[in-house]
């Protein structure tokens, strides 16, 4: 039996290659349509009461790693900063609520 309230972790793949005498590392992550559909369903149902805690977003590892390389520390950022960054980068499909954060 599948529990719909548990997030699905997506596999992050790392490939190594050599180019111009340097070892390069390439990260890829497949984001399935079903994952995006589940997030959209959560967002559309976010008007229900949530109690003390609520799920705000499910951000793929590849996005988190990109932000960390760019100097945005998601682990120290406020929820409102994360939501704003998602929206500014047109990544609001990873939001799981329509509520104000």
PDB file of N, CA and C in Angstrom:
ATOM      1  N   UNK A   1       0.842  -1.183   0.000  1.00  0.00           N
ATOM      2  CA  UNK A   1       0.000   0.000   0.000  1.00  0.00           C
ATOM      3  C   UNK A   1       0.890   1.250   0.000  1.00  0.00           C
ATOM      4  N   UNK A   2       0.614   2.188  -0.869  1.00  0.00           N
ATOM      5  CA  UNK A   2       1.398   3.414  -0.990  1.00  0.00           C
ATOM      6  C   UNK A   2       0.764   4.510  -0.152  1.00  0.00           C
ATOM      7  N   UNK A   3       1.590   5.202   0.637  1.00  0.00           N
ATOM      8  CA  UNK A   3       1.138   6.313   1.451  1.00  0.00           C
ATOM      9  C   UNK A   3       1.353   7.595   0.662  1.00  0.00           C
ATOM     10  N   UNK A   4       0.263   8.238   0.230  1.00  0.00           N
ATOM     11  CA  UNK A   4       0.345   9.437  -0.614  1.00  0.00           C
ATOM     12  C   UNK A   4       0.927  10.638   0.126  1.00  0.00           C
ATOM     13  N   UNK A   5       0.960  10.617   1.471  1.00  0.00           N
ATOM     14  CA  UNK A   5       1.473  11.770   2.204  1.00  0.00           C
ATOM     15  C   UNK A   5       2.989  11.770   2.297  1.00  0.00           C
ATOM     16  N   UNK A   6       3.634  10.656   1.985  1.00  0.00           N
ATOM     17  CA  UNK A   6       5.093  10.583   2.034  1.00  0.00           C
ATOM     18  C   UNK A   6       5.680  11.067   0.717  1.00  0.00           C
ATOM     19  N   UNK A   7       6.665  11.973   0.771  1.00  0.00           N
ATOM     20  CA  UNK A   7       7.274  12.436  -0.478  1.00  0.00           C
ATOM     21  C   UNK A   7       8.074  11.320  -1.142  1.00  0.00           C
ATOM     22  N   UNK A   8       8.141  11.372  -2.455  1.00  0.00           N
ATOM     23  CA  UNK A   8       8.919  10.414  -3.214  1.00  0.00           C
ATOM     24  C   UNK A   8      10.281  11.023  -3.502  1.00  0.00           C
ATOM     25  N   UNK A   9      11.342  10.314  -3.125  1.00  0.00           N
ATOM     26  CA  UNK A   9      12.682  10.798  -3.405  1.00  0.00           C
ATOM     27  C   UNK A   9      13.052  10.423  -4.830  1.00  0.00           C
ATOM     28  N   UNK A  10      13.655  11.355  -5.526  1.00  0.00           N
ATOM     29  CA  UNK A  10      14.053  11.127  -6.906  1.00  0.00           C
ATOM     30  C   UNK A  10      15.546  10.877  -6.962  1.00  0.00           C
ATOM     31  N   UNK A  11      15.942   9.925  -7.776  1.00  0.00           N
ATOM     32  CA  UNK A  11      17.347   9.544  -7.870  1.00  0.00           C
ATOM     33  C   UNK A  11      18.171  10.646  -8.511  1.00  0.00           C
ATOM     34  N   UNK A  12      19.240  11.009  -7.840  1.00  0.00           N
ATOM     35  CA  UNK A  12      20.196  11.980  -8.344  1.00  0.00           C
ATOM     36  C   UNK A  12      21.397  11.199  -8.854  1.00  0.00           C
ATOM     37  N   UNK A  13      21.743  11.339 -10.123  1.00  0.00           N
ATOM     38  CA  UNK A  13      22.839  10.579 -10.709  1.00  0.00           C
ATOM     39  C   UNK A  13      24.051  11.475 -10.925  1.00  0.00           C
ATOM     40  N   UNK A  14      25.221  10.910 -10.677  1.00  0.00           N
ATOM     41  CA  UNK A  14      26.474  11.637 -10.871  1.00  0.00           C
ATOM     42  C   UNK A  14      27.314  10.876 -11.882  1.00  0.00           C
ATOM     43  N   UNK A  15      27.755  11.573 -12.914  1.00  0.00           N
ATOM     44  CA  UNK A  15      28.634  11.005 -13.920  1.00  0.00           C
ATOM     45  C   UNK A  15      29.957  11.771 -13.894  1.00  0.00           C
ATOM     46  N   UNK A  16      31.029  11.058 -14.120  1.00  0.00           N
ATOM     47  CA  UNK A  16      32.345  11.677 -14.188  1.00  0.00           C
ATOM     48  C   UNK A  16      32.866  11.541 -15.608  1.00  0.00           C
ATOM     49  N   UNK A  17      33.522  12.591 -16.091  1.00  0.00           N
ATOM     50  CA  UNK A  17      34.083  12.560 -17.435  1.00  0.00           C
ATOM     51  C   UNK A  17      35.359  13.387 -17.444  1.00  0.00           C
ATOM     52  N   UNK A  18      36.208  13.099 -18.389  1.00  0.00           N
ATOM     53  CA  UNK A  18      37.444  13.851 -18.525  1.00  0.00           C
ATOM     54  C   UNK A  18      37.380  14.684 -19.795  1.00  0.00           C
ATOM     55  N   UNK A  19      37.696  15.965 -19.642  1.00  0.00           N
ATOM     56  CA  UNK A  19      37.657  16.881 -20.778  1.00  0.00           C
ATOM     57  C   UNK A  19      38.783  17.886 -20.623  1.00  0.00           C
ATOM     58  N   UNK A  20      39.585  18.039 -21.651  1.00  0.00           N
ATOM     59  CA  UNK A  20      40.713  18.982 -21.647  1.00  0.00           C
ATOM     60  C   UNK A  20      41.635  18.746 -20.451  1.00  0.00           C
ATOM     61  N   UNK A  21      41.846  17.485 -20.111  1.00  0.00           N
ATOM     62  CA  UNK A  21      42.756  17.142 -19.019  1.00  0.00           C
ATOM     63  C   UNK A  21      42.187  17.361 -17.630  1.00  0.00           C
ATOM     64  N   UNK A  22      40.914  17.691 -17.522  1.00  0.00           N
ATOM     65  CA  UNK A  22      40.292  17.910 -16.215  1.00  0.00           C
ATOM     66  C   UNK A  22      39.191  16.888 -15.984  1.00  0.00           C
ATOM     67  N   UNK A  23      39.049  16.481 -14.745  1.00  0.00           N
ATOM     68  CA  UNK A  23      37.975  15.578 -14.368  1.00  0.00           C
ATOM     69  C   UNK A  23      36.747  16.419 -14.039  1.00  0.00           C
ATOM     70  N   UNK A  24      35.649  16.150 -14.735  1.00  0.00           N
ATOM     71  CA  UNK A  24      34.408  16.896 -14.530  1.00  0.00           C
ATOM     72  C   UNK A  24      33.358  15.992 -13.917  1.00  0.00           C
ATOM     73  N   UNK A  25      32.473  16.601 -13.186  1.00  0.00           N
ATOM     74  CA  UNK A  25      31.385  15.893 -12.523  1.00  0.00           C
ATOM     75  C   UNK A  25      30.073  16.480 -13.027  1.00  0.00           C
ATOM     76  N   UNK A  26      29.169  15.616 -13.472  1.00  0.00           N
ATOM     77  CA  UNK A  26      27.881  16.071 -13.999  1.00  0.00           C
ATOM     78  C   UNK A  26      26.769  15.421 -13.185  1.00  0.00           C
ATOM     79  N   UNK A  27      25.888  16.261 -12.635  1.00  0.00           N
ATOM     80  CA  UNK A  27      24.749  15.770 -11.870  1.00  0.00           C
ATOM     81  C   UNK A  27      23.497  15.878 -12.727  1.00  0.00           C
ATOM     82  N   UNK A  28      22.711  14.833 -12.748  1.00  0.00           N
ATOM     83  CA  UNK A  28      21.428  14.863 -13.444  1.00  0.00           C
ATOM     84  C   UNK A  28      20.365  14.268 -12.538  1.00  0.00           C
ATOM     85  N   UNK A  29      19.157  14.685 -12.755  1.00  0.00           N
ATOM     86  CA  UNK A  29      18.045  14.164 -11.973  1.00  0.00           C
ATOM     87  C   UNK A  29      16.803  14.199 -12.848  1.00  0.00           C
ATOM     88  N   UNK A  30      16.176  13.056 -12.998  1.00  0.00           N
ATOM     89  CA  UNK A  30      14.956  12.961 -13.785  1.00  0.00           C
ATOM     90  C   UNK A  30      13.774  13.374 -12.913  1.00  0.00           C
ATOM     91  N   UNK A  31      13.019  14.347 -13.361  1.00  0.00           N
ATOM     92  CA  UNK A  31      11.818  14.801 -12.661  1.00  0.00           C
ATOM     93  C   UNK A  31      10.637  14.278 -13.465  1.00  0.00           C
ATOM     94  N   UNK A  32       9.946  13.292 -12.920  1.00  0.00           N
ATOM     95  CA  UNK A  32       8.848  12.663 -13.653  1.00  0.00           C
ATOM     96  C   UNK A  32       7.594  13.532 -13.631  1.00  0.00           C
ATOM     97  N   UNK A  33       6.767  13.336 -14.620  1.00  0.00           N
ATOM     98  CA  UNK A  33       5.494  14.053 -14.679  1.00  0.00           C
ATOM     99  C   UNK A  33       4.607  13.667 -13.501  1.00  0.00           C
ATOM    100  N   UNK A  34       4.673  12.415 -13.073  1.00  0.00           N
ATOM    101  CA  UNK A  34       3.849  11.991 -11.932  1.00  0.00           C
ATOM    102  C   UNK A  34       4.271  12.713 -10.649  1.00  0.00           C
ATOM    103  N   UNK A  35       5.580  12.980 -10.488  1.00  0.00           N
ATOM    104  CA  UNK A  35       6.060  13.755  -9.343  1.00  0.00           C
ATOM    105  C   UNK A  35       5.480  15.167  -9.383  1.00  0.00           C
ATOM    106  N   UNK A  36       5.545  15.797 -10.558  1.00  0.00           N
ATOM    107  CA  UNK A  36       4.995  17.147 -10.709  1.00  0.00           C
ATOM    108  C   UNK A  36       3.481  17.159 -10.512  1.00  0.00           C
ATOM    109  N   UNK A  37       2.798  16.123 -10.988  1.00  0.00           N
ATOM    110  CA  UNK A  37       1.349  16.030 -10.803  1.00  0.00           C
ATOM    111  C   UNK A  37       0.990  15.894  -9.319  1.00  0.00           C
ATOM    112  N   UNK A  38       1.779  15.106  -8.573  1.00  0.00           N
ATOM    113  CA  UNK A  38       1.542  14.960  -7.127  1.00  0.00           C
ATOM    114  C   UNK A  38       1.720  16.289  -6.405  1.00  0.00           C
ATOM    115  N   UNK A  39       2.730  17.067  -6.807  1.00  0.00           N
ATOM    116  CA  UNK A  39       2.944  18.382  -6.202  1.00  0.00           C
ATOM    117  C   UNK A  39       1.781  19.320  -6.509  1.00  0.00           C
ATOM    118  N   UNK A  40       1.306  19.266  -7.742  1.00  0.00           N
ATOM    119  CA  UNK A  40       0.174  20.108  -8.143  1.00  0.00           C
ATOM    120  C   UNK A  40      -1.075  19.740  -7.349  1.00  0.00           C
ATOM    121  N   UNK A  41      -1.316  18.430  -7.160  1.00  0.00           N
ATOM    122  CA  UNK A  41      -2.460  17.984  -6.352  1.00  0.00           C
ATOM    123  C   UNK A  41      -2.338  18.496  -4.918  1.00  0.00           C
ATOM    124  N   UNK A  42      -1.141  18.417  -4.343  1.00  0.00           N
ATOM    125  CA  UNK A  42      -0.924  18.910  -2.981  1.00  0.00           C
ATOM    126  C   UNK A  42      -1.195  20.408  -2.906  1.00  0.00           C
ATOM    127  N   UNK A  43      -0.718  21.148  -3.909  1.00  0.00           N
ATOM    128  CA  UNK A  43      -0.933  22.603  -3.954  1.00  0.00           C
ATOM    129  C   UNK A  43      -2.421  22.926  -4.068  1.00  0.00           C
ATOM    130  N   UNK A  44      -3.135  22.183  -4.914  1.00  0.00           N
ATOM    131  CA  UNK A  44      -4.567  22.426  -5.103  1.00  0.00           C
ATOM    132  C   UNK A  44      -5.382  22.066  -3.861  1.00  0.00           C
ATOM    133  N   UNK A  45      -4.886  21.153  -3.043  1.00  0.00           N
ATOM    134  CA  UNK A  45      -5.587  20.743  -1.820  1.00  0.00           C
ATOM    135  C   UNK A  45      -5.042  21.428  -0.579  1.00  0.00           C
ATOM    136  N   UNK A  46      -4.239  22.466  -0.749  1.00  0.00           N
ATOM    137  CA  UNK A  46      -3.562  23.088   0.391  1.00  0.00           C
ATOM    138  C   UNK A  46      -4.454  23.999   1.225  1.00  0.00           C
ATOM    139  N   UNK A  47      -5.714  24.152   0.857  1.00  0.00           N
ATOM    140  CA  UNK A  47      -6.599  25.010   1.645  1.00  0.00           C
ATOM    141  C   UNK A  47      -7.102  24.312   2.907  1.00  0.00           C
ATOM    142  N   UNK A  48      -6.875  23.011   3.013  1.00  0.00           N
ATOM    143  CA  UNK A  48      -7.295  22.258   4.190  1.00  0.00           C
ATOM    144  C   UNK A  48      -6.413  22.617   5.379  1.00  0.00           C
ATOM    145  N   UNK A  49      -6.947  22.573   6.601  1.00  0.00           N
ATOM    146  CA  UNK A  49      -6.129  22.851   7.793  1.00  0.00           C
ATOM    147  C   UNK A  49      -4.956  21.875   7.895  1.00  0.00           C
ATOM    148  N   UNK A  50      -3.792  22.396   8.341  1.00  0.00           N
ATOM    149  CA  UNK A  50      -2.593  21.566   8.404  1.00  0.00           C
ATOM    150  C   UNK A  50      -2.052  21.369   9.809  1.00  0.00           C
ATOM    151  N   UNK A  51      -2.549  22.084  10.800  1.00  0.00           N
ATOM    152  CA  UNK A  51      -1.998  21.972  12.144  1.00  0.00           C
ATOM    153  C   UNK A  51      -0.780  22.865  12.301  1.00  0.00           C
ATOM    154  N   UNK A  52       0.167  22.413  13.109  1.00  0.00           N
ATOM    155  CA  UNK A  52       1.345  23.224  13.421  1.00  0.00           C
ATOM    156  C   UNK A  52       2.374  23.278  12.301  1.00  0.00           C
ATOM    157  N   UNK A  53       2.406  22.265  11.455  1.00  0.00           N
ATOM    158  CA  UNK A  53       3.417  22.199  10.405  1.00  0.00           C
ATOM    159  C   UNK A  53       2.731  22.006   9.063  1.00  0.00           C
ATOM    160  N   UNK A  54       3.392  22.489   8.007  1.00  0.00           N
ATOM    161  CA  UNK A  54       2.867  22.245   6.668  1.00  0.00           C
ATOM    162  C   UNK A  54       4.028  22.072   5.706  1.00  0.00           C
ATOM    163  N   UNK A  55       3.784  21.300   4.695  1.00  0.00           N
ATOM    164  CA  UNK A  55       4.755  21.093   3.625  1.00  0.00           C
ATOM    165  C   UNK A  55       4.623  22.259   2.666  1.00  0.00           C
ATOM    166  N   UNK A  56       5.712  22.936   2.411  1.00  0.00           N
ATOM    167  CA  UNK A  56       5.702  24.128   1.572  1.00  0.00           C
ATOM    168  C   UNK A  56       6.172  23.818   0.157  1.00  0.00           C
ATOM    169  N   UNK A  57       7.177  22.944   0.036  1.00  0.00           N
ATOM    170  CA  UNK A  57       7.746  22.640  -1.274  1.00  0.00           C
ATOM    171  C   UNK A  57       8.478  21.304  -1.226  1.00  0.00           C
ATOM    172  N   UNK A  58       8.660  20.720  -2.381  1.00  0.00           N
ATOM    173  CA  UNK A  58       9.519  19.550  -2.571  1.00  0.00           C
ATOM    174  C   UNK A  58      10.510  19.924  -3.654  1.00  0.00           C
ATOM    175  N   UNK A  59      11.707  20.277  -3.225  1.00  0.00           N
ATOM    176  CA  UNK A  59      12.713  20.806  -4.140  1.00  0.00           C
ATOM    177  C   UNK A  59      13.711  19.704  -4.469  1.00  0.00           C
ATOM    178  N   UNK A  60      13.862  19.373  -5.739  1.00  0.00           N
ATOM    179  CA  UNK A  60      14.804  18.320  -6.132  1.00  0.00           C
ATOM    180  C   UNK A  60      16.247  18.652  -5.727  1.00  0.00           C
ATOM    181  N   UNK A  61      16.995  17.616  -5.463  1.00  0.00           N
ATOM    182  CA  UNK A  61      18.392  17.753  -5.056  1.00  0.00           C
ATOM    183  C   UNK A  61      19.189  18.567  -6.065  1.00  0.00           C
ATOM    184  N   UNK A  62      18.945  18.364  -7.341  1.00  0.00           N
ATOM    185  CA  UNK A  62      19.695  19.091  -8.377  1.00  0.00           C
ATOM    186  C   UNK A  62      19.510  20.600  -8.228  1.00  0.00           C
ATOM    187  N   UNK A  63      18.317  21.041  -7.861  1.00  0.00           N
ATOM    188  CA  UNK A  63      18.054  22.477  -7.665  1.00  0.00           C
ATOM    189  C   UNK A  63      18.774  22.962  -6.411  1.00  0.00           C
ATOM    190  N   UNK A  64      18.696  22.190  -5.333  1.00  0.00           N
ATOM    191  CA  UNK A  64      19.369  22.569  -4.085  1.00  0.00           C
ATOM    192  C   UNK A  64      20.871  22.704  -4.314  1.00  0.00           C
ATOM    193  N   UNK A  65      21.470  21.745  -5.014  1.00  0.00           N
ATOM    194  CA  UNK A  65      22.908  21.804  -5.286  1.00  0.00           C
ATOM    195  C   UNK A  65      23.274  23.018  -6.141  1.00  0.00           C
ATOM    196  N   UNK A  66      22.441  23.343  -7.115  1.00  0.00           N
ATOM    197  CA  UNK A  66      22.679  24.527  -7.959  1.00  0.00           C
ATOM    198  C   UNK A  66      22.661  25.786  -7.104  1.00  0.00           C
ATOM    199  N   UNK A  67      21.656  25.902  -6.252  1.00  0.00           N
ATOM    200  CA  UNK A  67      21.555  27.079  -5.387  1.00  0.00           C
ATOM    201  C   UNK A  67      22.752  27.189  -4.451  1.00  0.00           C
ATOM    202  N   UNK A  68      23.193  26.067  -3.905  1.00  0.00           N
ATOM    203  CA  UNK A  68      24.337  26.084  -2.998  1.00  0.00           C
ATOM    204  C   UNK A  68      25.590  26.558  -3.741  1.00  0.00           C
ATOM    205  N   UNK A  69      25.772  26.112  -4.985  1.00  0.00           N
ATOM    206  CA  UNK A  69      26.917  26.569  -5.787  1.00  0.00           C
ATOM    207  C   UNK A  69      26.838  28.066  -6.058  1.00  0.00           C
ATOM    208  N   UNK A  70      25.611  28.584  -6.170  1.00  0.00           N
ATOM    209  CA  UNK A  70      25.405  30.008  -6.445  1.00  0.00           C
ATOM    210  C   UNK A  70      25.475  30.856  -5.179  1.00  0.00           C
ATOM    211  N   UNK A  71      25.632  30.217  -4.013  1.00  0.00           N
ATOM    212  CA  UNK A  71      25.749  30.962  -2.760  1.00  0.00           C
ATOM    213  C   UNK A  71      24.463  31.095  -1.971  1.00  0.00           C
ATOM    214  N   UNK A  72      23.379  30.466  -2.413  1.00  0.00           N
ATOM    215  CA  UNK A  72      22.116  30.510  -1.673  1.00  0.00           C
ATOM    216  C   UNK A  72      22.039  29.261  -0.799  1.00  0.00           C
ATOM    217  N   UNK A  73      22.161  29.459   0.522  1.00  0.00           N
ATOM    218  CA  UNK A  73      22.140  28.340   1.457  1.00  0.00           C
ATOM    219  C   UNK A  73      20.704  28.062   1.873  1.00  0.00           C
ATOM    220  N   UNK A  74      20.117  27.068   1.251  1.00  0.00           N
ATOM    221  CA  UNK A  74      18.712  26.732   1.510  1.00  0.00           C
ATOM    222  C   UNK A  74      18.489  26.299   2.952  1.00  0.00           C
ATOM    223  N   UNK A  75      19.528  25.744   3.595  1.00  0.00           N
ATOM    224  CA  UNK A  75      19.393  25.233   4.959  1.00  0.00           C
ATOM    225  C   UNK A  75      19.333  26.357   5.984  1.00  0.00           C
ATOM    226  N   UNK A  76      19.772  27.547   5.621  1.00  0.00           N
ATOM    227  CA  UNK A  76      19.730  28.695   6.525  1.00  0.00           C
ATOM    228  C   UNK A  76      18.692  29.732   6.109  1.00  0.00           C
ATOM    229  N   UNK A  77      18.064  29.559   4.973  1.00  0.00           N
ATOM    230  CA  UNK A  77      17.099  30.531   4.448  1.00  0.00           C
ATOM    231  C   UNK A  77      15.739  30.360   5.115  1.00  0.00           C
ATOM    232  N   UNK A  78      15.008  31.458   5.204  1.00  0.00           N
ATOM    233  CA  UNK A  78      13.628  31.417   5.702  1.00  0.00           C
ATOM    234  C   UNK A  78      12.732  30.833   4.619  1.00  0.00           C
ATOM    235  N   UNK A  79      11.604  30.280   5.035  1.00  0.00           N
ATOM    236  CA  UNK A  79      10.651  29.711   4.088  1.00  0.00           C
ATOM    237  C   UNK A  79      10.223  30.712   3.040  1.00  0.00           C
ATOM    238  N   UNK A  80      10.005  31.953   3.457  1.00  0.00           N
ATOM    239  CA  UNK A  80       9.569  32.983   2.506  1.00  0.00           C
ATOM    240  C   UNK A  80      10.651  33.270   1.463  1.00  0.00           C
ATOM    241  N   UNK A  81      11.925  33.183   1.851  1.00  0.00           N
ATOM    242  CA  UNK A  81      13.023  33.400   0.901  1.00  0.00           C
ATOM    243  C   UNK A  81      13.091  32.265  -0.125  1.00  0.00           C
ATOM    244  N   UNK A  82      12.854  31.053   0.349  1.00  0.00           N
ATOM    245  CA  UNK A  82      12.876  29.893  -0.545  1.00  0.00           C
ATOM    246  C   UNK A  82      11.726  29.976  -1.546  1.00  0.00           C
ATOM    247  N   UNK A  83      10.542  30.322  -1.049  1.00  0.00           N
ATOM    248  CA  UNK A  83       9.375  30.458  -1.931  1.00  0.00           C
ATOM    249  C   UNK A  83       9.625  31.554  -2.970  1.00  0.00           C
ATOM    250  N   UNK A  84      10.162  32.678  -2.530  1.00  0.00           N
ATOM    251  CA  UNK A  84      10.450  33.786  -3.450  1.00  0.00           C
ATOM    252  C   UNK A  84      11.463  33.349  -4.512  1.00  0.00           C
ATOM    253  N   UNK A  85      12.500  32.609  -4.113  1.00  0.00           N
ATOM    254  CA  UNK A  85      13.514  32.147  -5.071  1.00  0.00           C
ATOM    255  C   UNK A  85      12.901  31.174  -6.082  1.00  0.00           C
ATOM    256  N   UNK A  86      12.056  30.270  -5.610  1.00  0.00           N
ATOM    257  CA  UNK A  86      11.370  29.351  -6.527  1.00  0.00           C
ATOM    258  C   UNK A  86      10.551  30.122  -7.549  1.00  0.00           C
ATOM    259  N   UNK A  87       9.803  31.101  -7.088  1.00  0.00           N
ATOM    260  CA  UNK A  87       8.963  31.888  -7.994  1.00  0.00           C
ATOM    261  C   UNK A  87       9.796  32.729  -8.949  1.00  0.00           C
ATOM    262  N   UNK A  88      10.880  33.338  -8.457  1.00  0.00           N
ATOM    263  CA  UNK A  88      11.740  34.168  -9.312  1.00  0.00           C
ATOM    264  C   UNK A  88      12.415  33.366 -10.411  1.00  0.00           C
ATOM    265  N   UNK A  89      12.653  32.078 -10.162  1.00  0.00           N
ATOM    266  CA  UNK A  89      13.314  31.224 -11.151  1.00  0.00           C
ATOM    267  C   UNK A  89      12.316  30.366 -11.926  1.00  0.00           C
ATOM    268  N   UNK A  90      11.040  30.712 -11.837  1.00  0.00           N
ATOM    269  CA  UNK A  90       9.972  29.963 -12.515  1.00  0.00           C
ATOM    270  C   UNK A  90       9.994  28.477 -12.155  1.00  0.00           C
ATOM    271  N   UNK A  91      10.271  28.202 -10.879  1.00  0.00           N
ATOM    272  CA  UNK A  91      10.285  26.836 -10.372  1.00  0.00           C
ATOM    273  C   UNK A  91       9.150  26.610  -9.380  1.00  0.00           C
ATOM    274  N   UNK A  92       8.098  27.419  -9.499  1.00  0.00           N
ATOM    275  CA  UNK A  92       6.996  27.313  -8.549  1.00  0.00           C
ATOM    276  C   UNK A  92       6.206  26.024  -8.698  1.00  0.00           C
ATOM    277  N   UNK A  93       6.529  25.196  -9.697  1.00  0.00           N
ATOM    278  CA  UNK A  93       5.887  23.886  -9.806  1.00  0.00           C
ATOM    279  C   UNK A  93       6.314  22.976  -8.648  1.00  0.00           C
ATOM    280  N   UNK A  94       7.383  23.356  -7.927  1.00  0.00           N
ATOM    281  CA  UNK A  94       7.834  22.565  -6.784  1.00  0.00           C
ATOM    282  C   UNK A  94       7.168  22.990  -5.479  1.00  0.00           C
ATOM    283  N   UNK A  95       6.333  24.025  -5.513  1.00  0.00           N
ATOM    284  CA  UNK A  95       5.580  24.443  -4.327  1.00  0.00           C
ATOM    285  C   UNK A  95       4.429  23.473  -4.078  1.00  0.00           C
ATOM    286  N   UNK A  96       4.146  23.210  -2.810  1.00  0.00           N
ATOM    287  CA  UNK A  96       3.074  22.277  -2.461  1.00  0.00           C
ATOM    288  C   UNK A  96       1.937  22.957  -1.708  1.00  0.00           C
ATOM    289  N   UNK A  97       1.982  24.278  -1.637  1.00  0.00           N
ATOM    290  CA  UNK A  97       0.905  25.010  -0.973  1.00  0.00           C
ATOM    291  C   UNK A  97       0.662  26.340  -1.661  1.00  0.00           C
ATOM    292  N   UNK A  98      -0.568  26.808  -1.566  1.00  0.00           N
ATOM    293  CA  UNK A  98      -0.927  28.144  -2.037  1.00  0.00           C
ATOM    294  C   UNK A  98      -0.991  29.126  -0.864  1.00  0.00           C
ATOM    295  N   UNK A  99      -0.772  28.604   0.345  1.00  0.00           N
ATOM    296  CA  UNK A  99      -0.829  29.452   1.539  1.00  0.00           C
ATOM    297  C   UNK A  99       0.360  30.375   1.596  1.00  0.00           C
ATOM    298  N   UNK A 100       0.172  31.480   2.295  1.00  0.00           N
ATOM    299  CA  UNK A 100       1.264  32.434   2.493  1.00  0.00           C
ATOM    300  C   UNK A 100       2.254  31.856   3.493  1.00  0.00           C
ATOM    301  N   UNK A 101       3.523  31.968   3.183  1.00  0.00           N
ATOM    302  CA  UNK A 101       4.574  31.413   4.046  1.00  0.00           C
ATOM    303  C   UNK A 101       5.321  32.545   4.697  1.00  0.00           C
TER     304      UNK A 101
END
